[in-house]
Amino acid sequence: MTSTTSAQPPTSTSTPTSTATSTATSAAGSPPAAGLRADVLVVGGGIAGASLAAELAEQSGGSASVVLVEAQGALATQTSARSARQMQPSYGPPPVQALTAASLPLVALAEEATGRRVLRERPLLWVDAVGGATGREAFAALLAQVPSLRTSGASEALQRFPLLRPEAVHAVAVDDDAREVAVPVLVEHHVERARRGGVRVLVGAPVTSAVRRAGGWDVTAGEHRISAGTLVDAAGPWADVVAGVAGVRRRGLVPKRRTVVVADDERAVGEHWPMVADVAETLYARPGRDVDGDLLASPAEAVPSEPCDAQPVPADVDALLAGLDAVLDLGAVRVRRSWTGLRTGPADGLPVVGWDDGQQGFFWLAGQGGFGIQTSSALARAAAAAVLGQSHGLGAAVDDAVAAFSPSRPSLAG
């Protein structure tokens, strides 16, 4: 299998600490324009869109003109700003794991480029906190899928994360390769790469119309009118909405709420503690100094929602904390703040990446669910190569992963 993933070349029309990146209406600092032309228009200014714009600029050597539009007043204010900030090689189905493995060395390059720390060691303790047949089956499935995990026992988990209740630890496996990622630094790095490459960034520019014309797209985004050969849908929770505006068949992308609480604890929460996650995805927790608290925790709920600026509901937070308290000793915890993000994906749980099979010049980069941060660097490189008709150079495992994300896969039919 080759490393060239393009199936459809573009048609050119021209020769929380929040990750929000403030930006002028354009990379060059010029005033808004009513009649822009671009080879590629990227819709969505989260980490997916920002990293793709940077890769398009670099891979094309500046020969492809790129415009990035974001509906909000700043970049990366939605899902990218509300993540757990982790890169975990053992998290997600095999294609996602392949993209995560390919992304880790690319993210490490951001440290060299910025001179700032982007990755730090944060091992992941997978714990069966459910018990019974359900817990045993989930734990066995995890080990079968990720045989490199190191199995351990309750004593290690309790020693490394003392807030765990002993009666809730039925089995333990350790991912020593997991890392915490400084998402604000990473997003800023991608945006700066894009700007250096000549990408024009427009904020406060929601897409309200997109019409396919001969040779490309005519798009209205806020006050801007943009003609582009290729339209990339990287709109996160709004990806299916953007597709509908463009007359493209939706792929069943459903945003789902997930709430995170940041808390202070009168006990000493060690900065060196690992992250803990239940194999049945009923909770996760880790030290929270990077988000101005002692502890970051989530009940890992997935409640369907309309695409929106999701906000936590106080009554829901109280109920969710009660559920967490069955596994973690939260008796001395005081909630400092909370947030809710939207994890968006189709029913099969895989991202949607590639050329649309029913509309020329429409490229999907959506549905990353809870895997967006950890896969974004490799996925952006592969997607940019596909858009430009080039080789991504990341190898066959990435080829296979991107093929599994195809918008044309049978599970997305209908």
Protein backbone atom coordinates (compact mmCIF):
# COMPACT_ATOMS: atom_id res chain seq x y z
CA MET A 1 0.00 0.00 0.00
CA THR A 2 1.33 3.40 -0.90
CA SER A 3 1.41 6.50 1.29
CA THR A 4 -0.52 8.64 -1.16
CA THR A 5 -4.06 9.02 0.15
CA SER A 6 -5.50 11.43 -2.39
CA ALA A 7 -8.51 10.18 -4.30
CA GLN A 8 -9.56 13.50 -5.73
CA PRO A 9 -7.22 16.41 -6.45
CA PRO A 10 -8.44 19.90 -5.61
CA THR A 11 -9.79 22.17 -8.30
CA SER A 12 -7.89 25.44 -8.08
CA THR A 13 -9.70 28.73 -8.49
CA SER A 14 -6.52 30.78 -8.25
CA THR A 15 -2.84 30.70 -9.49
CA PRO A 16 -9.93 26.17 29.71
CA THR A 17 -6.41 28.14 30.66
CA SER A 18 -8.26 28.44 27.40
CA THR A 19 -6.72 27.29 24.20
CA ALA A 20 -8.46 30.22 22.53
CA THR A 21 -6.04 31.96 20.23
CA SER A 22 -6.82 35.60 19.67
CA THR A 23 -6.33 36.63 16.08
CA ALA A 24 -6.97 39.51 13.75
CA THR A 25 -9.40 38.89 10.94
CA SER A 26 -6.58 37.90 8.67
CA ALA A 27 -3.12 36.43 9.01
CA ALA A 28 -1.66 39.39 7.17
CA GLY A 29 -3.50 41.87 9.37
CA SER A 30 -5.45 43.40 6.49
CA PRO A 31 -9.13 44.38 6.84
CA PRO A 32 -11.94 41.96 5.98
CA ALA A 33 -12.39 41.34 2.29
CA ALA A 34 -15.66 40.66 0.49
CA GLY A 35 -14.23 38.71 -2.44
CA LEU A 36 -11.50 36.28 -1.43
CA ARG A 37 -10.18 33.46 -3.59
CA ALA A 38 -8.37 30.39 -2.31
CA ASP A 39 -7.33 26.96 -3.41
CA VAL A 40 -8.52 25.51 -0.09
CA LEU A 41 -11.06 26.85 2.39
CA VAL A 42 -10.90 25.18 5.82
CA VAL A 43 -14.04 25.57 7.94
CA GLY A 44 -13.39 25.28 11.67
CA GLY A 45 -10.66 26.81 13.81
CA GLY A 46 -10.19 24.11 16.42
CA ILE A 47 -7.06 22.01 16.58
CA ALA A 48 -8.17 19.95 13.56
CA GLY A 49 -8.61 22.95 11.29
CA ALA A 50 -5.61 24.86 12.61
CA SER A 51 -3.23 21.91 12.26
CA LEU A 52 -4.55 21.14 8.77
CA ALA A 53 -4.09 24.75 7.65
CA ALA A 54 -0.51 24.66 8.90
CA GLU A 55 0.20 21.40 7.07
CA LEU A 56 -1.38 22.64 3.84
CA ALA A 57 0.83 25.72 3.92
CA GLU A 58 4.00 23.79 4.66
CA GLN A 59 3.42 20.81 2.38
CA SER A 60 2.55 23.04 -0.57
CA GLY A 61 5.51 25.28 0.07
CA GLY A 62 3.13 28.21 0.01
CA SER A 63 1.96 27.43 -3.51
CA ALA A 64 -1.58 26.60 -2.35
CA SER A 65 -3.60 29.55 -1.09
CA VAL A 66 -5.47 28.66 2.10
CA VAL A 67 -8.18 30.46 4.07
CA LEU A 68 -9.28 29.28 7.53
CA VAL A 69 -12.66 30.46 8.83
CA GLU A 70 -13.97 30.15 12.38
CA ALA A 71 -17.50 31.02 13.52
CA GLN A 72 -16.44 32.12 17.00
CA GLY A 73 -14.53 35.31 17.80
CA ALA A 74 -11.31 33.40 18.50
CA LEU A 75 -9.77 30.08 17.53
CA ALA A 76 -10.07 26.87 19.54
CA THR A 77 -12.69 28.00 22.06
CA GLN A 78 -14.90 24.92 21.87
CA THR A 79 -13.93 21.23 22.12
CA SER A 80 -10.18 21.86 21.77
CA ALA A 81 -10.28 24.19 24.77
CA ARG A 82 -12.24 21.73 26.90
CA SER A 83 -10.25 18.52 26.58
CA ALA A 84 -8.45 16.47 29.21
CA ARG A 85 -5.16 17.40 27.45
CA GLN A 86 -3.83 13.88 27.13
CA MET A 87 -2.16 11.72 24.48
CA GLN A 88 -2.74 8.08 25.34
CA PRO A 89 -1.48 5.40 22.94
CA SER A 90 -3.80 2.79 24.49
CA TYR A 91 -6.98 4.87 24.17
CA GLY A 92 -9.37 4.30 21.31
CA PRO A 93 -9.84 1.67 18.59
CA PRO A 94 -6.80 0.40 16.65
CA PRO A 95 -6.94 3.01 13.83
CA VAL A 96 -6.98 5.78 16.43
CA GLN A 97 -4.08 4.18 18.27
CA ALA A 98 -2.09 4.14 15.03
CA LEU A 99 -2.71 7.87 14.52
CA THR A 100 -1.78 8.58 18.14
CA ALA A 101 1.50 6.71 17.79
CA ALA A 102 2.29 8.68 14.64
CA SER A 103 1.30 11.98 16.28
CA LEU A 104 3.50 11.73 19.37
CA PRO A 105 6.83 12.36 17.57
CA LEU A 106 5.23 15.16 15.55
CA VAL A 107 4.03 16.87 18.71
CA ALA A 108 7.51 16.50 20.17
CA LEU A 109 8.77 18.59 17.23
CA ALA A 110 6.61 21.44 18.50
CA GLU A 111 8.78 21.58 21.61
CA GLU A 112 11.86 22.04 19.45
CA ALA A 113 10.15 24.70 17.34
CA THR A 114 8.70 26.70 20.23
CA GLY A 115 11.28 26.12 22.93
CA ARG A 116 8.37 25.45 25.28
CA ARG A 117 7.32 22.26 27.00
CA VAL A 118 4.48 20.58 25.16
CA LEU A 119 4.62 17.00 26.47
CA ARG A 120 5.18 15.71 29.97
CA GLU A 121 5.03 12.21 31.36
CA ARG A 122 1.59 11.33 32.67
CA PRO A 123 1.19 7.51 32.75
CA LEU A 124 -2.34 6.18 32.48
CA LEU A 125 -3.72 3.65 34.97
CA TRP A 126 -6.56 1.70 33.45
CA VAL A 127 -8.73 0.46 36.31
CA ASP A 128 -11.68 -1.90 36.34
CA ALA A 129 -13.84 0.15 38.68
CA VAL A 130 -17.09 -1.59 37.75
CA GLY A 131 -16.31 -5.18 38.66
CA GLY A 132 -18.45 -8.18 37.84
CA ALA A 133 -18.84 -9.59 34.36
CA THR A 134 -19.07 -6.15 32.75
CA GLY A 135 -15.79 -4.99 34.22
CA ARG A 136 -13.99 -8.26 33.50
CA GLU A 137 -15.11 -8.24 29.88
CA ALA A 138 -14.06 -4.61 29.36
CA PHE A 139 -10.68 -5.24 30.97
CA ALA A 140 -10.07 -8.38 28.91
CA ALA A 141 -11.03 -6.54 25.73
CA LEU A 142 -8.57 -3.75 26.54
CA LEU A 143 -5.70 -6.18 27.11
CA ALA A 144 -6.52 -8.05 23.90
CA GLN A 145 -6.52 -4.81 21.93
CA VAL A 146 -3.40 -3.36 23.58
CA PRO A 147 -1.14 -6.27 24.54
CA SER A 148 1.71 -3.86 25.31
CA LEU A 149 -0.07 -2.68 28.46
CA ARG A 150 1.60 -3.67 31.72
CA THR A 151 -0.79 -5.46 34.05
CA SER A 152 -0.52 -4.59 37.70
CA GLY A 153 -2.51 -4.79 40.91
CA ALA A 154 -4.54 -2.69 43.28
CA SER A 155 -1.55 -1.97 45.50
CA GLU A 156 0.27 -0.04 42.75
CA ALA A 157 -2.86 1.87 41.78
CA LEU A 158 -3.61 2.87 45.38
CA GLN A 159 0.00 3.86 46.00
CA ARG A 160 0.21 5.99 42.86
CA PHE A 161 -3.32 7.49 43.09
CA PRO A 162 -4.33 7.43 46.77
CA LEU A 163 -7.77 8.97 46.17
CA LEU A 164 -8.97 5.70 44.65
CA ARG A 165 -11.30 3.74 46.91
CA PRO A 166 -9.77 0.26 47.46
CA GLU A 167 -13.10 -1.48 47.01
CA ALA A 168 -13.42 0.05 43.52
CA VAL A 169 -10.14 -1.32 42.16
CA HIS A 170 -10.76 -4.76 40.67
CA ALA A 171 -7.96 -4.90 38.08
CA VAL A 172 -5.22 -2.57 36.81
CA ALA A 173 -3.22 -2.10 33.62
CA VAL A 174 -0.63 0.63 33.03
CA ASP A 175 0.12 2.66 29.90
CA ASP A 176 3.58 4.03 30.69
CA ASP A 177 3.78 5.83 27.33
CA ALA A 178 0.84 8.18 27.95
CA ARG A 179 1.60 11.88 28.03
CA GLU A 180 -0.03 15.12 29.09
CA VAL A 181 -0.03 17.74 26.34
CA ALA A 182 -0.02 21.52 26.69
CA VAL A 183 -2.90 22.09 24.28
CA PRO A 184 -2.73 25.92 24.31
CA VAL A 185 0.93 25.78 23.28
CA LEU A 186 0.22 23.20 20.58
CA VAL A 187 -2.67 25.17 19.09
CA GLU A 188 -0.63 28.37 19.13
CA HIS A 189 2.18 26.53 17.36
CA HIS A 190 -0.14 25.37 14.58
CA VAL A 191 -1.62 28.84 14.14
CA GLU A 192 1.82 30.43 13.92
CA ARG A 193 2.90 27.83 11.35
CA ALA A 194 -0.20 28.61 9.32
CA ARG A 195 0.39 32.34 9.46
CA ARG A 196 4.01 32.00 8.43
CA GLY A 197 2.83 29.96 5.48
CA GLY A 198 0.47 32.70 4.35
CA VAL A 199 -2.81 31.22 5.57
CA ARG A 200 -5.49 33.85 6.00
CA VAL A 201 -7.43 33.37 9.25
CA LEU A 202 -10.92 34.83 9.58
CA VAL A 203 -12.77 34.68 12.91
CA GLY A 204 -16.37 35.62 13.63
CA ALA A 205 -17.15 34.07 10.25
CA PRO A 206 -19.82 31.35 10.43
CA VAL A 207 -20.58 29.63 7.14
CA THR A 208 -24.13 30.50 6.09
CA SER A 209 -24.05 29.36 2.47
CA ALA A 210 -21.89 27.15 0.29
CA VAL A 211 -22.79 26.60 -3.34
CA ARG A 212 -20.95 24.34 -5.74
CA ARG A 213 -20.12 26.08 -9.01
CA ALA A 214 -18.12 24.92 -12.00
CA GLY A 215 -14.59 24.52 -10.73
CA GLY A 216 -15.18 25.19 -7.07
CA TRP A 217 -17.24 26.62 -4.23
CA ASP A 218 -18.81 29.99 -3.52
CA VAL A 219 -19.02 30.36 0.26
CA THR A 220 -20.43 33.03 2.53
CA ALA A 221 -18.71 33.10 5.93
CA GLY A 222 -19.80 35.99 8.09
CA GLU A 223 -19.23 39.14 6.05
CA HIS A 224 -16.85 37.39 3.69
CA ARG A 225 -17.46 35.96 0.23
CA ILE A 226 -14.93 33.27 -0.61
CA SER A 227 -14.36 31.27 -3.79
CA ALA A 228 -12.39 28.07 -3.25
CA GLY A 229 -11.50 24.97 -5.19
CA THR A 230 -11.73 22.68 -2.16
CA LEU A 231 -13.96 23.02 0.89
CA VAL A 232 -12.71 21.22 4.02
CA ASP A 233 -15.24 20.54 6.76
CA ALA A 234 -13.35 20.63 10.07
CA ALA A 235 -16.23 22.22 11.98
CA GLY A 236 -16.29 19.88 14.98
CA PRO A 237 -19.80 19.69 16.50
CA TRP A 238 -21.11 21.70 13.55
CA ALA A 239 -19.59 19.43 10.87
CA ASP A 240 -22.89 17.89 9.78
CA VAL A 241 -24.49 21.34 9.83
CA VAL A 242 -21.81 22.68 7.48
CA ALA A 243 -22.28 19.64 5.24
CA GLY A 244 -26.00 20.34 5.08
CA VAL A 245 -25.37 23.96 4.15
CA ALA A 246 -23.14 22.72 1.33
CA GLY A 247 -25.74 20.25 0.08
CA VAL A 248 -23.61 17.29 1.14
CA ARG A 249 -25.10 14.16 2.72
CA ARG A 250 -24.68 14.26 6.47
CA ARG A 251 -22.77 11.45 8.13
CA GLY A 252 -24.68 11.12 11.39
CA LEU A 253 -22.18 13.08 13.47
CA VAL A 254 -23.65 13.51 16.96
CA PRO A 255 -22.18 15.92 19.52
CA LYS A 256 -22.17 14.48 23.04
CA ARG A 257 -21.73 16.36 26.29
CA ARG A 258 -18.86 15.58 28.62
CA THR A 259 -18.38 17.48 31.86
CA VAL A 260 -15.11 18.12 33.67
CA VAL A 261 -14.70 19.45 37.19
CA VAL A 262 -11.57 21.14 38.50
CA ALA A 263 -11.34 20.91 42.26
CA ASP A 264 -9.17 21.88 45.19
CA ASP A 265 -8.29 19.22 47.74
CA GLU A 266 -6.99 19.90 51.23
CA ARG A 267 -5.00 16.70 50.93
CA ALA A 268 -1.80 16.76 48.91
CA VAL A 269 -2.48 15.77 45.29
CA GLY A 270 0.91 14.93 43.83
CA GLU A 271 1.80 16.58 40.55
CA HIS A 272 3.57 13.31 39.64
CA TRP A 273 0.41 11.22 40.03
CA PRO A 274 -0.75 9.41 36.89
CA MET A 275 -4.10 9.73 35.20
CA VAL A 276 -6.71 7.15 36.18
CA ALA A 277 -9.45 5.96 33.84
CA ASP A 278 -12.06 3.26 34.19
CA VAL A 279 -11.95 0.63 31.42
CA ALA A 280 -15.73 0.96 31.03
CA GLU A 281 -15.32 4.74 30.52
CA THR A 282 -17.31 5.77 33.56
CA LEU A 283 -14.70 8.23 34.87
CA TYR A 284 -11.22 9.65 34.59
CA ALA A 285 -9.13 11.82 36.90
CA ARG A 286 -5.66 13.33 37.05
CA PRO A 287 -3.74 16.11 38.82
CA GLY A 288 -5.02 19.48 37.66
CA ARG A 289 -2.29 22.03 38.27
CA ASP A 290 -2.19 22.95 34.58
CA VAL A 291 -5.84 24.06 34.83
CA ASP A 292 -5.40 25.88 38.17
CA GLY A 293 -6.67 23.20 40.50
CA ASP A 294 -5.50 20.19 42.47
CA LEU A 295 -7.63 17.63 40.66
CA LEU A 296 -9.30 17.34 37.25
CA ALA A 297 -12.02 14.70 37.06
CA SER A 298 -14.87 13.66 34.80
CA PRO A 299 -17.62 11.05 34.95
CA ALA A 300 -17.01 10.57 31.21
CA GLU A 301 -20.68 10.92 30.35
CA ALA A 302 -21.74 11.04 26.71
CA VAL A 303 -25.14 12.76 26.47
CA PRO A 304 -26.33 13.66 22.95
CA SER A 305 -26.66 17.37 22.32
CA GLU A 306 -27.30 19.87 19.60
CA PRO A 307 -24.13 21.65 18.46
CA CYS A 308 -23.76 24.59 20.83
CA ASP A 309 -21.52 26.38 23.27
CA ALA A 310 -22.10 23.70 25.89
CA GLN A 311 -22.21 24.77 29.53
CA PRO A 312 -22.33 22.68 32.70
CA VAL A 313 -25.65 22.41 34.54
CA PRO A 314 -25.15 22.73 38.33
CA ALA A 315 -27.63 19.96 39.15
CA ASP A 316 -25.90 17.68 36.67
CA VAL A 317 -22.50 18.48 38.18
CA ASP A 318 -23.77 17.50 41.64
CA ALA A 319 -25.17 14.22 40.34
CA LEU A 320 -22.00 13.47 38.42
CA LEU A 321 -19.85 14.14 41.47
CA ALA A 322 -21.95 11.68 43.45
CA GLY A 323 -21.17 9.03 40.86
CA LEU A 324 -17.47 9.83 40.92
CA ASP A 325 -17.45 9.59 44.71
CA ALA A 326 -18.21 5.88 44.48
CA VAL A 327 -14.75 5.35 42.97
CA LEU A 328 -12.74 8.34 44.21
CA ASP A 329 -12.68 9.65 47.76
CA LEU A 330 -13.95 13.18 47.11
CA GLY A 331 -14.77 13.97 50.73
CA ALA A 332 -12.19 16.75 51.02
CA VAL A 333 -12.70 18.15 47.54
CA ARG A 334 -14.08 21.62 46.78
CA VAL A 335 -15.11 22.29 43.20
CA ARG A 336 -13.36 25.36 41.82
CA ARG A 337 -14.95 25.35 38.38
CA SER A 338 -16.38 23.07 35.74
CA TRP A 339 -16.85 22.99 32.01
CA THR A 340 -18.66 20.93 29.42
CA GLY A 341 -17.33 20.05 26.00
CA LEU A 342 -18.87 18.30 23.02
CA ARG A 343 -17.25 15.15 21.67
CA THR A 344 -18.59 14.58 18.18
CA GLY A 345 -18.61 11.38 16.16
CA PRO A 346 -20.72 8.88 14.21
CA ALA A 347 -22.28 5.73 15.62
CA ASP A 348 -19.25 3.56 14.80
CA GLY A 349 -16.96 5.78 16.90
CA LEU A 350 -14.40 6.50 14.17
CA PRO A 351 -13.48 9.89 12.69
CA VAL A 352 -14.72 10.87 9.24
CA VAL A 353 -11.81 11.86 7.00
CA GLY A 354 -11.52 12.01 3.23
CA TRP A 355 -13.17 13.14 0.03
CA ASP A 356 -16.95 13.05 -0.10
CA ASP A 357 -18.15 10.48 -2.61
CA GLY A 358 -21.16 12.50 -3.70
CA GLN A 359 -19.85 16.04 -4.03
CA GLN A 360 -16.73 17.09 -5.90
CA GLY A 361 -14.25 19.17 -3.93
CA PHE A 362 -15.70 18.52 -0.45
CA PHE A 363 -13.27 17.02 2.09
CA TRP A 364 -14.22 15.77 5.55
CA LEU A 365 -12.01 16.21 8.63
CA ALA A 366 -14.52 15.61 11.39
CA GLY A 367 -15.91 13.25 13.99
CA GLN A 368 -12.73 12.85 16.03
CA GLY A 369 -14.75 12.34 19.21
CA GLY A 370 -12.47 12.22 22.23
CA PHE A 371 -9.42 11.50 20.10
CA GLY A 372 -8.97 14.89 18.45
CA ILE A 373 -6.00 16.19 20.40
CA GLN A 374 -4.06 12.94 20.41
CA THR A 375 -4.49 12.22 16.69
CA SER A 376 -4.49 15.76 15.28
CA SER A 377 -0.87 16.09 14.22
CA ALA A 378 -0.66 12.91 12.14
CA LEU A 379 -4.22 13.25 10.91
CA ALA A 380 -3.56 16.79 9.70
CA ARG A 381 -0.45 15.68 7.86
CA ALA A 382 -2.27 12.81 6.17
CA ALA A 383 -5.32 14.93 5.35
CA ALA A 384 -3.21 17.73 3.88
CA ALA A 385 -1.40 15.23 1.69
CA ALA A 386 -4.74 13.87 0.48
CA VAL A 387 -6.04 17.34 -0.34
CA LEU A 388 -2.85 18.23 -2.19
CA GLY A 389 -2.49 14.85 -3.90
CA GLN A 390 0.84 14.12 -2.24
CA SER A 391 2.41 11.44 -0.04
CA HIS A 392 2.23 11.96 3.71
CA GLY A 393 5.29 9.82 4.44
CA LEU A 394 3.90 8.42 7.70
CA GLY A 395 3.73 4.81 6.61
CA ALA A 396 1.25 2.04 5.97
CA ALA A 397 -0.30 2.06 9.45
CA VAL A 398 -1.49 5.63 8.90
CA ASP A 399 -2.72 4.69 5.41
CA ASP A 400 -4.81 1.92 6.91
CA ALA A 401 -6.16 4.18 9.65
CA VAL A 402 -7.21 6.91 7.24
CA ALA A 403 -8.84 4.30 5.00
CA ALA A 404 -10.89 3.17 8.02
CA PHE A 405 -12.08 6.77 8.47
CA SER A 406 -13.46 7.04 4.92
CA PRO A 407 -16.72 9.00 4.57
CA SER A 408 -17.79 6.25 2.14
CA ARG A 409 -17.54 3.37 4.62
CA PRO A 410 -20.65 1.18 4.87
CA SER A 411 -21.34 2.08 8.50
CA LEU A 412 -22.07 5.67 7.42
CA ALA A 413 -24.47 4.73 4.64
CA GLY A 414 -28.03 5.97 4.71
